[in-house]
């Protein structure tokens, strides 16, 4: 039924919401002061890659920053856009492929 209606899954909607929130944090649209958003230099992907957060506690592993850094770093350079609305559209399109 979801395929017929062309809906995305709840898991995909949650991932999009986390990536949009991370976009807002990285580009100053959301004021979050954190050491968790340390940028790293990568030869692959987009220019705003983040340093992976290592955790020892399983419950912390599922919290926002550790759970979002990996999918954020996996985004292709073509998805990261200077406009939030364009970014949302590109993320949605990349997940539906």
C-alpha atoms as a PDB file:
ATOM      1  CA  UNK A   1       0.000   0.000   0.000  1.00  0.00           C
ATOM      2  CA  UNK A   2       2.829   2.436   0.814  1.00  0.00           C
ATOM      3  CA  UNK A   3       4.327   1.798  -2.623  1.00  0.00           C
ATOM      4  CA  UNK A   4       1.009   2.490  -4.314  1.00  0.00           C
ATOM      5  CA  UNK A   5       0.612   5.770  -2.434  1.00  0.00           C
ATOM      6  CA  UNK A   6       4.320   6.595  -2.907  1.00  0.00           C
ATOM      7  CA  UNK A   7       4.786   7.229   0.818  1.00  0.00           C
ATOM      8  CA  UNK A   8       8.082   6.885   2.619  1.00  0.00           C
ATOM      9  CA  UNK A   9       8.496   4.763   5.719  1.00  0.00           C
ATOM     10  CA  UNK A  10       8.556   6.102   9.267  1.00  0.00           C
ATOM     11  CA  UNK A  11      12.232   5.190   9.514  1.00  0.00           C
ATOM     12  CA  UNK A  12      12.998   7.283   6.423  1.00  0.00           C
ATOM     13  CA  UNK A  13      10.949  10.224   7.746  1.00  0.00           C
ATOM     14  CA  UNK A  14      12.885  10.113  11.008  1.00  0.00           C
ATOM     15  CA  UNK A  15      16.190  10.026   9.139  1.00  0.00           C
ATOM     16  CA  UNK A  16      15.157  13.021   7.026  1.00  0.00           C
ATOM     17  CA  UNK A  17      14.135  14.925  10.166  1.00  0.00           C
ATOM     18  CA  UNK A  18      17.515  14.205  11.800  1.00  0.00           C
ATOM     19  CA  UNK A  19      19.432  15.236   8.671  1.00  0.00           C
ATOM     20  CA  UNK A  20      17.420  18.461   8.347  1.00  0.00           C
ATOM     21  CA  UNK A  21      18.117  19.242  12.003  1.00  0.00           C
ATOM     22  CA  UNK A  22      21.847  18.591  11.473  1.00  0.00           C
ATOM     23  CA  UNK A  23      21.756  20.839   8.388  1.00  0.00           C
ATOM     24  CA  UNK A  24      20.247  23.609  10.507  1.00  0.00           C
ATOM     25  CA  UNK A  25      22.926  23.162  13.160  1.00  0.00           C
ATOM     26  CA  UNK A  26      25.786  23.143  10.631  1.00  0.00           C
ATOM     27  CA  UNK A  27      24.602  26.209   8.732  1.00  0.00           C
ATOM     28  CA  UNK A  28      23.641  28.297  11.776  1.00  0.00           C
ATOM     29  CA  UNK A  29      19.875  28.084  11.319  1.00  0.00           C
ATOM     30  CA  UNK A  30      19.529  26.364  14.702  1.00  0.00           C
ATOM     31  CA  UNK A  31      21.577  27.718  17.590  1.00  0.00           C
ATOM     32  CA  UNK A  32      23.211  24.701  19.204  1.00  0.00           C
ATOM     33  CA  UNK A  33      26.564  25.069  20.871  1.00  0.00           C
ATOM     34  CA  UNK A  34      28.194  21.679  20.960  1.00  0.00           C
ATOM     35  CA  UNK A  35      31.523  19.934  20.742  1.00  0.00           C
ATOM     36  CA  UNK A  36      29.779  17.102  18.914  1.00  0.00           C
ATOM     37  CA  UNK A  37      29.833  18.922  15.592  1.00  0.00           C
ATOM     38  CA  UNK A  38      33.587  18.862  15.064  1.00  0.00           C
ATOM     39  CA  UNK A  39      34.307  19.038  11.367  1.00  0.00           C
ATOM     40  CA  UNK A  40      36.725  16.611   9.789  1.00  0.00           C
ATOM     41  CA  UNK A  41      38.495  16.716   6.458  1.00  0.00           C
ATOM     42  CA  UNK A  42      37.396  14.126   3.955  1.00  0.00           C
ATOM     43  CA  UNK A  43      38.406  13.473   0.395  1.00  0.00           C
ATOM     44  CA  UNK A  44      35.023  11.894  -0.355  1.00  0.00           C
ATOM     45  CA  UNK A  45      31.507  13.217  -0.059  1.00  0.00           C
ATOM     46  CA  UNK A  46      30.598  16.792   0.764  1.00  0.00           C
ATOM     47  CA  UNK A  47      32.815  19.450   2.366  1.00  0.00           C
ATOM     48  CA  UNK A  48      30.936  19.549   5.711  1.00  0.00           C
ATOM     49  CA  UNK A  49      31.781  16.096   7.051  1.00  0.00           C
ATOM     50  CA  UNK A  50      31.778  15.574  10.805  1.00  0.00           C
ATOM     51  CA  UNK A  51      34.040  13.596  13.076  1.00  0.00           C
ATOM     52  CA  UNK A  52      32.481  10.286  14.076  1.00  0.00           C
ATOM     53  CA  UNK A  53      31.466  10.127  17.730  1.00  0.00           C
ATOM     54  CA  UNK A  54      32.663   7.017  19.543  1.00  0.00           C
ATOM     55  CA  UNK A  55      30.442   5.689  22.297  1.00  0.00           C
ATOM     56  CA  UNK A  56      30.793   2.956  24.872  1.00  0.00           C
ATOM     57  CA  UNK A  57      27.215   3.064  26.109  1.00  0.00           C
ATOM     58  CA  UNK A  58      24.589   1.458  23.852  1.00  0.00           C
ATOM     59  CA  UNK A  59      21.810   3.812  24.940  1.00  0.00           C
ATOM     60  CA  UNK A  60      23.892   6.886  24.012  1.00  0.00           C
ATOM     61  CA  UNK A  61      24.647   5.379  20.607  1.00  0.00           C
ATOM     62  CA  UNK A  62      21.018   5.946  19.564  1.00  0.00           C
ATOM     63  CA  UNK A  63      20.912   9.609  20.667  1.00  0.00           C
ATOM     64  CA  UNK A  64      20.828  12.445  18.122  1.00  0.00           C
ATOM     65  CA  UNK A  65      24.473  13.294  17.469  1.00  0.00           C
ATOM     66  CA  UNK A  66      26.008   9.790  17.347  1.00  0.00           C
ATOM     67  CA  UNK A  67      23.090   8.455  15.297  1.00  0.00           C
ATOM     68  CA  UNK A  68      23.098  11.339  12.810  1.00  0.00           C
ATOM     69  CA  UNK A  69      26.801  11.853  12.084  1.00  0.00           C
ATOM     70  CA  UNK A  70      27.166   8.627  10.065  1.00  0.00           C
ATOM     71  CA  UNK A  71      24.228   9.245   7.672  1.00  0.00           C
ATOM     72  CA  UNK A  72      25.260  12.930   7.423  1.00  0.00           C
ATOM     73  CA  UNK A  73      28.780  11.968   6.325  1.00  0.00           C
ATOM     74  CA  UNK A  74      27.370   9.501   3.776  1.00  0.00           C
ATOM     75  CA  UNK A  75      25.407  12.189   1.935  1.00  0.00           C
ATOM     76  CA  UNK A  76      26.724  12.834  -1.572  1.00  0.00           C
ATOM     77  CA  UNK A  77      28.058  16.302  -2.343  1.00  0.00           C
ATOM     78  CA  UNK A  78      25.157  16.912  -4.737  1.00  0.00           C
ATOM     79  CA  UNK A  79      22.624  16.695  -1.861  1.00  0.00           C
ATOM     80  CA  UNK A  80      24.147  19.364   0.399  1.00  0.00           C
ATOM     81  CA  UNK A  81      22.709  22.652  -0.866  1.00  0.00           C
ATOM     82  CA  UNK A  82      22.904  26.276   0.312  1.00  0.00           C
ATOM     83  CA  UNK A  83      19.123  26.398   0.794  1.00  0.00           C
ATOM     84  CA  UNK A  84      17.167  24.372   3.387  1.00  0.00           C
ATOM     85  CA  UNK A  85      14.183  23.694   1.105  1.00  0.00           C
ATOM     86  CA  UNK A  86      16.441  22.466  -1.693  1.00  0.00           C
ATOM     87  CA  UNK A  87      18.313  20.278   0.810  1.00  0.00           C
ATOM     88  CA  UNK A  88      15.049  18.690   2.019  1.00  0.00           C
ATOM     89  CA  UNK A  89      13.991  17.920  -1.529  1.00  0.00           C
ATOM     90  CA  UNK A  90      17.344  16.425  -2.456  1.00  0.00           C
ATOM     91  CA  UNK A  91      17.494  14.262   0.688  1.00  0.00           C
ATOM     92  CA  UNK A  92      13.984  12.978  -0.007  1.00  0.00           C
ATOM     93  CA  UNK A  93      14.878  12.243  -3.629  1.00  0.00           C
ATOM     94  CA  UNK A  94      18.084  10.444  -2.622  1.00  0.00           C
ATOM     95  CA  UNK A  95      16.189   8.175  -0.218  1.00  0.00           C
ATOM     96  CA  UNK A  96      13.531   7.241  -2.764  1.00  0.00           C
ATOM     97  CA  UNK A  97      16.058   6.032  -5.328  1.00  0.00           C
END
